[in-house]
Amino acid sequence: MRTDPTDNGGLFVGRRPGTAPVRYRALPEEGSAARRRADRALAAVVLAVMVAGNLLFWGPIPVASLWLASQVQYRSGSVFLGLVCGFAALVAALLGGLVVLKRLDALWVLIRRASGADQREGVLPTVFWVTSAIGAAAFTFWLLVINGPGSSSLPG
């Protein structure tokens, strides 16, 4: 008979399904120092891939979608079809990129935990805001310095 209050939620009655106390298995053995260093290096590589993937959202993916839309419009003669295909390609590429980045983030957490760090959360939100700041700064520089605030077709 189970009457220990720590076993049944403090009540001397049966426990509801799924509310048993959590019992963790034994901690795994830690890897060697060389293995932990290799895991830290691999985590840094995965983080760099995540940053590079995020930076693709700021230029190459939209440009590729515009190129695809222009090709569809040129070959079909329909501006509407070009717009629809370009927008669909942009949304598919961005959402596909997000799926890949989310999986890379989960992989990064696992690698960090294998390296001995008590990693409980991913780094994807931080990567997003840092790359957004970099993208916004690069766009502002391009808009104000390279392109200039005036019209290139009507100077002055």
N, C-alpha and C. Protein backbone atom coordinates (compact mmCIF):
# COMPACT_ATOMS: atom_id res chain seq x y z
N MET A 1 0.85 -1.18 0.00
CA MET A 1 0.00 0.00 0.00
C MET A 1 0.89 1.24 0.00
N ARG A 2 0.61 2.17 -0.92
CA ARG A 2 1.40 3.39 -1.00
C ARG A 2 0.69 4.49 -0.23
N THR A 3 1.20 4.80 0.94
CA THR A 3 0.58 5.85 1.75
C THR A 3 1.55 6.97 2.06
N ASP A 4 2.75 6.90 1.50
CA ASP A 4 3.71 7.97 1.73
C ASP A 4 3.24 9.22 0.99
N PRO A 5 3.07 10.35 1.69
CA PRO A 5 2.56 11.56 1.02
C PRO A 5 3.45 12.05 -0.13
N THR A 6 4.76 11.77 -0.10
CA THR A 6 5.61 12.20 -1.22
C THR A 6 5.37 11.36 -2.45
N ASP A 7 4.78 10.18 -2.29
CA ASP A 7 4.49 9.33 -3.43
C ASP A 7 3.17 9.67 -4.10
N ASN A 8 2.26 10.27 -3.40
CA ASN A 8 0.94 10.48 -3.97
C ASN A 8 0.48 11.93 -3.90
N GLY A 9 1.41 12.86 -3.97
CA GLY A 9 1.05 14.27 -4.07
C GLY A 9 0.54 14.86 -2.77
N GLY A 10 0.86 14.28 -1.63
CA GLY A 10 0.45 14.83 -0.35
C GLY A 10 -0.90 14.34 0.12
N LEU A 11 -1.57 13.56 -0.68
CA LEU A 11 -2.87 13.04 -0.29
C LEU A 11 -2.75 11.55 -0.03
N PHE A 12 -3.56 11.05 0.84
CA PHE A 12 -3.54 9.63 1.13
C PHE A 12 -4.53 8.90 0.24
N VAL A 13 -4.50 9.24 -1.02
CA VAL A 13 -5.35 8.61 -2.03
C VAL A 13 -4.48 8.28 -3.23
N GLY A 14 -5.05 7.64 -4.21
CA GLY A 14 -4.29 7.30 -5.40
C GLY A 14 -3.86 8.54 -6.18
N ARG A 15 -2.81 8.40 -6.90
CA ARG A 15 -2.25 9.51 -7.68
C ARG A 15 -2.91 9.54 -9.06
N ARG A 16 -3.12 10.75 -9.56
CA ARG A 16 -3.62 10.90 -10.92
C ARG A 16 -2.57 10.44 -11.91
N PRO A 17 -2.97 9.95 -13.07
CA PRO A 17 -1.99 9.50 -14.06
C PRO A 17 -1.09 10.65 -14.51
N GLY A 18 0.18 10.36 -14.64
CA GLY A 18 1.14 11.34 -15.13
C GLY A 18 1.66 12.30 -14.09
N THR A 19 1.36 12.09 -12.81
CA THR A 19 1.81 13.02 -11.78
C THR A 19 2.77 12.36 -10.79
N ALA A 20 3.37 11.26 -11.17
CA ALA A 20 4.31 10.59 -10.28
C ALA A 20 5.56 11.45 -10.12
N PRO A 21 6.28 11.29 -9.02
CA PRO A 21 7.51 12.06 -8.85
C PRO A 21 8.51 11.73 -9.96
N VAL A 22 9.25 12.73 -10.37
CA VAL A 22 10.23 12.55 -11.43
C VAL A 22 11.47 11.90 -10.84
N ARG A 23 11.90 10.81 -11.44
CA ARG A 23 13.11 10.13 -11.01
C ARG A 23 14.08 10.12 -12.19
N TYR A 24 15.19 10.79 -12.00
CA TYR A 24 16.18 10.87 -13.06
C TYR A 24 17.13 9.69 -12.99
N ARG A 25 17.62 9.28 -14.15
CA ARG A 25 18.60 8.21 -14.15
C ARG A 25 19.94 8.79 -13.73
N ALA A 26 20.91 7.95 -13.56
CA ALA A 26 22.23 8.41 -13.13
C ALA A 26 22.84 9.33 -14.19
N LEU A 27 23.65 10.27 -13.73
CA LEU A 27 24.31 11.19 -14.65
C LEU A 27 25.28 10.43 -15.54
N PRO A 28 25.35 10.80 -16.81
CA PRO A 28 26.30 10.12 -17.69
C PRO A 28 27.74 10.52 -17.34
N GLU A 29 28.66 9.69 -17.75
CA GLU A 29 30.06 10.00 -17.52
C GLU A 29 30.47 11.18 -18.38
N GLU A 30 31.32 12.03 -17.82
CA GLU A 30 31.81 13.17 -18.59
C GLU A 30 32.88 12.69 -19.55
N GLY A 31 32.95 13.34 -20.69
CA GLY A 31 33.98 13.00 -21.66
C GLY A 31 35.33 13.55 -21.24
N SER A 32 36.33 13.16 -21.95
CA SER A 32 37.68 13.65 -21.64
C SER A 32 37.77 15.14 -21.97
N ALA A 33 38.83 15.77 -21.52
CA ALA A 33 39.02 17.19 -21.78
C ALA A 33 39.14 17.46 -23.29
N ALA A 34 39.81 16.56 -23.99
CA ALA A 34 39.94 16.74 -25.44
C ALA A 34 38.59 16.62 -26.13
N ARG A 35 37.77 15.69 -25.67
CA ARG A 35 36.44 15.52 -26.26
C ARG A 35 35.58 16.75 -26.01
N ARG A 36 35.66 17.32 -24.80
CA ARG A 36 34.88 18.52 -24.49
C ARG A 36 35.35 19.71 -25.34
N ARG A 37 36.67 19.82 -25.56
CA ARG A 37 37.19 20.89 -26.42
C ARG A 37 36.69 20.72 -27.86
N ALA A 38 36.70 19.49 -28.33
CA ALA A 38 36.19 19.22 -29.69
C ALA A 38 34.71 19.55 -29.78
N ASP A 39 33.95 19.22 -28.75
CA ASP A 39 32.52 19.55 -28.75
C ASP A 39 32.30 21.05 -28.72
N ARG A 40 33.11 21.78 -27.96
CA ARG A 40 32.99 23.25 -27.95
C ARG A 40 33.31 23.83 -29.33
N ALA A 41 34.32 23.28 -29.99
CA ALA A 41 34.67 23.76 -31.34
C ALA A 41 33.55 23.45 -32.33
N LEU A 42 32.96 22.26 -32.22
CA LEU A 42 31.85 21.90 -33.10
C LEU A 42 30.64 22.80 -32.85
N ALA A 43 30.39 23.13 -31.58
CA ALA A 43 29.29 24.05 -31.25
C ALA A 43 29.55 25.42 -31.87
N ALA A 44 30.79 25.87 -31.88
CA ALA A 44 31.12 27.16 -32.49
C ALA A 44 30.89 27.11 -34.00
N VAL A 45 31.21 25.99 -34.63
CA VAL A 45 30.97 25.85 -36.07
C VAL A 45 29.47 25.88 -36.36
N VAL A 46 28.68 25.17 -35.56
CA VAL A 46 27.23 25.17 -35.76
C VAL A 46 26.67 26.58 -35.56
N LEU A 47 27.18 27.30 -34.57
CA LEU A 47 26.75 28.68 -34.34
C LEU A 47 27.10 29.57 -35.54
N ALA A 48 28.28 29.39 -36.10
CA ALA A 48 28.67 30.18 -37.28
C ALA A 48 27.77 29.87 -38.48
N VAL A 49 27.39 28.61 -38.64
CA VAL A 49 26.47 28.24 -39.72
C VAL A 49 25.11 28.89 -39.49
N MET A 50 24.67 28.95 -38.23
CA MET A 50 23.39 29.60 -37.93
C MET A 50 23.45 31.08 -38.26
N VAL A 51 24.54 31.75 -37.92
CA VAL A 51 24.68 33.17 -38.22
C VAL A 51 24.69 33.38 -39.74
N ALA A 52 25.44 32.56 -40.46
CA ALA A 52 25.49 32.68 -41.92
C ALA A 52 24.11 32.44 -42.53
N GLY A 53 23.39 31.45 -42.03
CA GLY A 53 22.04 31.18 -42.53
C GLY A 53 21.10 32.34 -42.26
N ASN A 54 21.24 32.95 -41.10
CA ASN A 54 20.40 34.11 -40.78
C ASN A 54 20.74 35.29 -41.67
N LEU A 55 22.01 35.48 -41.98
CA LEU A 55 22.39 36.59 -42.85
C LEU A 55 21.87 36.40 -44.28
N LEU A 56 21.63 35.15 -44.68
CA LEU A 56 21.04 34.91 -46.00
C LEU A 56 19.65 35.53 -46.12
N PHE A 57 18.94 35.66 -44.99
CA PHE A 57 17.60 36.24 -45.01
C PHE A 57 17.64 37.71 -45.42
N TRP A 58 18.79 38.36 -45.28
CA TRP A 58 18.88 39.80 -45.51
C TRP A 58 19.31 40.18 -46.92
N GLY A 59 19.63 39.26 -47.76
CA GLY A 59 20.06 39.65 -49.09
C GLY A 59 19.87 38.58 -50.14
N PRO A 60 20.59 37.49 -50.04
CA PRO A 60 20.53 36.49 -51.11
C PRO A 60 19.15 35.86 -51.32
N ILE A 61 18.42 35.59 -50.27
CA ILE A 61 17.10 34.97 -50.44
C ILE A 61 16.13 35.94 -51.12
N PRO A 62 16.00 37.20 -50.65
CA PRO A 62 15.11 38.12 -51.38
C PRO A 62 15.56 38.40 -52.82
N VAL A 63 16.86 38.50 -53.03
CA VAL A 63 17.35 38.75 -54.40
C VAL A 63 17.05 37.55 -55.30
N ALA A 64 17.23 36.34 -54.78
CA ALA A 64 16.91 35.15 -55.57
C ALA A 64 15.42 35.09 -55.89
N SER A 65 14.58 35.49 -54.94
CA SER A 65 13.14 35.51 -55.20
C SER A 65 12.78 36.55 -56.26
N LEU A 66 13.42 37.71 -56.20
CA LEU A 66 13.19 38.72 -57.23
C LEU A 66 13.65 38.23 -58.60
N TRP A 67 14.80 37.56 -58.64
CA TRP A 67 15.29 37.03 -59.91
C TRP A 67 14.31 36.00 -60.47
N LEU A 68 13.83 35.09 -59.60
CA LEU A 68 12.86 34.09 -60.04
C LEU A 68 11.59 34.75 -60.56
N ALA A 69 11.10 35.76 -59.85
CA ALA A 69 9.89 36.45 -60.29
C ALA A 69 10.11 37.12 -61.64
N SER A 70 11.28 37.72 -61.83
CA SER A 70 11.54 38.37 -63.12
C SER A 70 11.63 37.35 -64.25
N GLN A 71 12.20 36.18 -63.98
CA GLN A 71 12.29 35.15 -65.01
C GLN A 71 10.90 34.61 -65.38
N VAL A 72 10.07 34.40 -64.36
CA VAL A 72 8.71 33.91 -64.62
C VAL A 72 7.93 34.96 -65.42
N GLN A 73 8.06 36.23 -65.04
CA GLN A 73 7.35 37.29 -65.75
C GLN A 73 7.86 37.42 -67.18
N TYR A 74 9.16 37.31 -67.39
CA TYR A 74 9.73 37.43 -68.73
C TYR A 74 9.28 36.29 -69.63
N ARG A 75 9.30 35.07 -69.11
CA ARG A 75 8.98 33.90 -69.93
C ARG A 75 7.47 33.74 -70.16
N SER A 76 6.66 34.14 -69.16
CA SER A 76 5.21 33.96 -69.31
C SER A 76 4.52 35.21 -69.84
N GLY A 77 5.13 36.37 -69.65
CA GLY A 77 4.49 37.62 -70.06
C GLY A 77 3.45 38.10 -69.08
N SER A 78 3.32 37.44 -67.95
CA SER A 78 2.31 37.80 -66.96
C SER A 78 2.99 38.35 -65.70
N VAL A 79 2.73 39.62 -65.42
CA VAL A 79 3.29 40.23 -64.21
C VAL A 79 2.69 39.57 -62.97
N PHE A 80 1.40 39.28 -63.01
CA PHE A 80 0.74 38.66 -61.86
C PHE A 80 1.36 37.31 -61.53
N LEU A 81 1.60 36.50 -62.54
CA LEU A 81 2.20 35.19 -62.31
C LEU A 81 3.62 35.33 -61.74
N GLY A 82 4.36 36.31 -62.24
CA GLY A 82 5.69 36.57 -61.70
C GLY A 82 5.65 36.97 -60.24
N LEU A 83 4.71 37.85 -59.89
CA LEU A 83 4.57 38.27 -58.49
C LEU A 83 4.19 37.11 -57.59
N VAL A 84 3.24 36.31 -58.02
CA VAL A 84 2.79 35.18 -57.20
C VAL A 84 3.92 34.18 -57.01
N CYS A 85 4.62 33.85 -58.08
CA CYS A 85 5.73 32.88 -57.97
C CYS A 85 6.86 33.43 -57.12
N GLY A 86 7.20 34.70 -57.29
CA GLY A 86 8.26 35.30 -56.49
C GLY A 86 7.92 35.34 -55.02
N PHE A 87 6.68 35.73 -54.71
CA PHE A 87 6.26 35.78 -53.31
C PHE A 87 6.20 34.39 -52.70
N ALA A 88 5.68 33.42 -53.45
CA ALA A 88 5.62 32.05 -52.94
C ALA A 88 7.03 31.50 -52.70
N ALA A 89 7.95 31.79 -53.61
CA ALA A 89 9.33 31.33 -53.43
C ALA A 89 9.97 31.99 -52.22
N LEU A 90 9.69 33.28 -52.02
CA LEU A 90 10.25 33.98 -50.86
C LEU A 90 9.74 33.39 -49.56
N VAL A 91 8.43 33.18 -49.46
CA VAL A 91 7.85 32.62 -48.24
C VAL A 91 8.37 31.20 -48.00
N ALA A 92 8.42 30.39 -49.05
CA ALA A 92 8.92 29.02 -48.90
C ALA A 92 10.38 29.00 -48.46
N ALA A 93 11.20 29.87 -49.04
CA ALA A 93 12.62 29.90 -48.66
C ALA A 93 12.80 30.38 -47.23
N LEU A 94 12.05 31.40 -46.83
CA LEU A 94 12.19 31.91 -45.46
C LEU A 94 11.70 30.90 -44.44
N LEU A 95 10.56 30.29 -44.69
CA LEU A 95 10.05 29.29 -43.74
C LEU A 95 10.93 28.05 -43.71
N GLY A 96 11.41 27.62 -44.87
CA GLY A 96 12.34 26.50 -44.90
C GLY A 96 13.63 26.81 -44.15
N GLY A 97 14.11 28.04 -44.31
CA GLY A 97 15.29 28.46 -43.57
C GLY A 97 15.06 28.47 -42.07
N LEU A 98 13.87 28.90 -41.66
CA LEU A 98 13.55 28.88 -40.23
C LEU A 98 13.52 27.46 -39.68
N VAL A 99 12.99 26.53 -40.45
CA VAL A 99 12.96 25.13 -40.01
C VAL A 99 14.38 24.61 -39.83
N VAL A 100 15.23 24.90 -40.80
CA VAL A 100 16.63 24.44 -40.71
C VAL A 100 17.33 25.09 -39.52
N LEU A 101 17.10 26.39 -39.31
CA LEU A 101 17.74 27.07 -38.19
C LEU A 101 17.25 26.54 -36.85
N LYS A 102 15.99 26.20 -36.75
CA LYS A 102 15.47 25.65 -35.50
C LYS A 102 16.12 24.30 -35.20
N ARG A 103 16.30 23.48 -36.22
CA ARG A 103 16.97 22.19 -36.01
C ARG A 103 18.44 22.38 -35.65
N LEU A 104 19.09 23.34 -36.30
CA LEU A 104 20.48 23.63 -35.94
C LEU A 104 20.58 24.13 -34.50
N ASP A 105 19.58 24.90 -34.07
CA ASP A 105 19.58 25.39 -32.69
C ASP A 105 19.47 24.24 -31.70
N ALA A 106 18.60 23.28 -31.99
CA ALA A 106 18.48 22.11 -31.11
C ALA A 106 19.78 21.30 -31.12
N LEU A 107 20.41 21.18 -32.28
CA LEU A 107 21.69 20.49 -32.37
C LEU A 107 22.75 21.23 -31.56
N TRP A 108 22.75 22.56 -31.62
CA TRP A 108 23.71 23.36 -30.87
C TRP A 108 23.55 23.12 -29.37
N VAL A 109 22.31 23.07 -28.89
CA VAL A 109 22.07 22.81 -27.46
C VAL A 109 22.64 21.45 -27.08
N LEU A 110 22.38 20.43 -27.90
CA LEU A 110 22.90 19.09 -27.59
C LEU A 110 24.42 19.07 -27.57
N ILE A 111 25.04 19.73 -28.52
CA ILE A 111 26.51 19.74 -28.56
C ILE A 111 27.07 20.49 -27.36
N ARG A 112 26.43 21.61 -27.00
CA ARG A 112 26.89 22.36 -25.82
C ARG A 112 26.75 21.53 -24.55
N ARG A 113 25.67 20.79 -24.43
CA ARG A 113 25.50 19.93 -23.25
C ARG A 113 26.55 18.83 -23.25
N ALA A 114 26.89 18.31 -24.43
CA ALA A 114 27.93 17.28 -24.51
C ALA A 114 29.30 17.84 -24.14
N SER A 115 29.49 19.15 -24.35
CA SER A 115 30.79 19.75 -24.02
C SER A 115 30.91 20.09 -22.54
N GLY A 116 29.86 19.82 -21.77
CA GLY A 116 29.93 20.05 -20.33
C GLY A 116 29.22 21.30 -19.87
N ALA A 117 28.65 22.09 -20.78
CA ALA A 117 27.93 23.30 -20.40
C ALA A 117 26.51 22.93 -19.98
N ASP A 118 25.99 23.66 -19.01
CA ASP A 118 24.61 23.43 -18.57
C ASP A 118 23.70 24.27 -19.46
N GLN A 119 23.57 23.85 -20.71
CA GLN A 119 22.81 24.60 -21.71
C GLN A 119 21.38 24.12 -21.72
N ARG A 120 20.45 25.01 -21.40
CA ARG A 120 19.04 24.63 -21.36
C ARG A 120 18.24 25.30 -22.46
N GLU A 121 18.71 26.42 -22.97
CA GLU A 121 17.99 27.15 -24.01
C GLU A 121 18.88 27.31 -25.23
N GLY A 122 18.25 27.50 -26.35
CA GLY A 122 18.99 27.71 -27.58
C GLY A 122 19.47 29.14 -27.72
N VAL A 123 20.23 29.37 -28.76
CA VAL A 123 20.82 30.68 -29.01
C VAL A 123 20.14 31.39 -30.19
N LEU A 124 19.14 30.75 -30.78
CA LEU A 124 18.51 31.28 -31.99
C LEU A 124 17.93 32.69 -31.81
N PRO A 125 17.22 33.01 -30.71
CA PRO A 125 16.73 34.39 -30.58
C PRO A 125 17.85 35.43 -30.57
N THR A 126 18.95 35.12 -29.91
CA THR A 126 20.08 36.04 -29.89
C THR A 126 20.68 36.19 -31.28
N VAL A 127 20.82 35.08 -31.98
CA VAL A 127 21.35 35.14 -33.35
C VAL A 127 20.43 35.99 -34.23
N PHE A 128 19.12 35.85 -34.04
CA PHE A 128 18.18 36.65 -34.84
C PHE A 128 18.35 38.13 -34.60
N TRP A 129 18.41 38.55 -33.33
CA TRP A 129 18.48 40.00 -33.12
C TRP A 129 19.84 40.56 -33.52
N VAL A 130 20.92 39.79 -33.35
CA VAL A 130 22.23 40.29 -33.77
C VAL A 130 22.30 40.41 -35.29
N THR A 131 21.83 39.39 -36.00
CA THR A 131 21.87 39.48 -37.47
C THR A 131 20.88 40.53 -37.99
N SER A 132 19.79 40.74 -37.28
CA SER A 132 18.87 41.82 -37.67
C SER A 132 19.53 43.18 -37.51
N ALA A 133 20.27 43.36 -36.43
CA ALA A 133 20.98 44.62 -36.23
C ALA A 133 22.05 44.81 -37.30
N ILE A 134 22.77 43.74 -37.64
CA ILE A 134 23.78 43.82 -38.70
C ILE A 134 23.13 44.14 -40.04
N GLY A 135 22.02 43.47 -40.34
CA GLY A 135 21.32 43.71 -41.60
C GLY A 135 20.76 45.12 -41.68
N ALA A 136 20.19 45.62 -40.59
CA ALA A 136 19.65 46.98 -40.58
C ALA A 136 20.76 48.01 -40.74
N ALA A 137 21.90 47.78 -40.08
CA ALA A 137 23.03 48.70 -40.21
C ALA A 137 23.58 48.69 -41.63
N ALA A 138 23.70 47.50 -42.22
CA ALA A 138 24.21 47.41 -43.59
C ALA A 138 23.25 48.09 -44.57
N PHE A 139 21.95 47.89 -44.38
CA PHE A 139 20.98 48.53 -45.26
C PHE A 139 21.02 50.05 -45.11
N THR A 140 21.12 50.53 -43.88
CA THR A 140 21.18 51.97 -43.65
C THR A 140 22.43 52.57 -44.29
N PHE A 141 23.57 51.88 -44.16
CA PHE A 141 24.81 52.33 -44.80
C PHE A 141 24.63 52.38 -46.31
N TRP A 142 24.05 51.33 -46.87
CA TRP A 142 23.84 51.30 -48.32
C TRP A 142 22.91 52.43 -48.75
N LEU A 143 21.82 52.64 -48.01
CA LEU A 143 20.83 53.64 -48.39
C LEU A 143 21.39 55.05 -48.29
N LEU A 144 22.11 55.35 -47.22
CA LEU A 144 22.55 56.72 -47.00
C LEU A 144 23.91 57.04 -47.62
N VAL A 145 24.81 56.06 -47.71
CA VAL A 145 26.16 56.35 -48.17
C VAL A 145 26.37 55.90 -49.61
N ILE A 146 26.07 54.66 -49.90
CA ILE A 146 26.36 54.12 -51.23
C ILE A 146 25.36 54.63 -52.25
N ASN A 147 24.07 54.45 -51.99
CA ASN A 147 23.05 54.89 -52.93
C ASN A 147 22.83 56.39 -52.83
N GLY A 148 22.93 56.93 -51.67
CA GLY A 148 22.71 58.35 -51.46
C GLY A 148 21.25 58.66 -51.26
N PRO A 149 20.96 59.75 -50.56
CA PRO A 149 19.56 60.08 -50.27
C PRO A 149 18.79 60.63 -51.46
N GLY A 150 19.49 61.07 -52.51
CA GLY A 150 18.81 61.64 -53.66
C GLY A 150 18.57 60.61 -54.74
N SER A 151 17.91 61.03 -55.78
CA SER A 151 17.64 60.17 -56.92
C SER A 151 18.89 60.05 -57.79
N SER A 152 19.15 58.83 -58.27
CA SER A 152 20.31 58.65 -59.15
C SER A 152 19.99 59.07 -60.59
N SER A 153 18.70 59.14 -60.94
CA SER A 153 18.33 59.54 -62.30
C SER A 153 18.17 61.05 -62.43
N LEU A 154 17.83 61.72 -61.34
CA LEU A 154 17.69 63.18 -61.34
C LEU A 154 18.61 63.76 -60.27
N PRO A 155 19.87 63.99 -60.58
CA PRO A 155 20.79 64.50 -59.55
C PRO A 155 20.42 65.92 -59.14
N GLY A 156 20.78 66.22 -57.90
CA GLY A 156 20.57 67.58 -57.41
C GLY A 156 19.34 67.67 -56.66
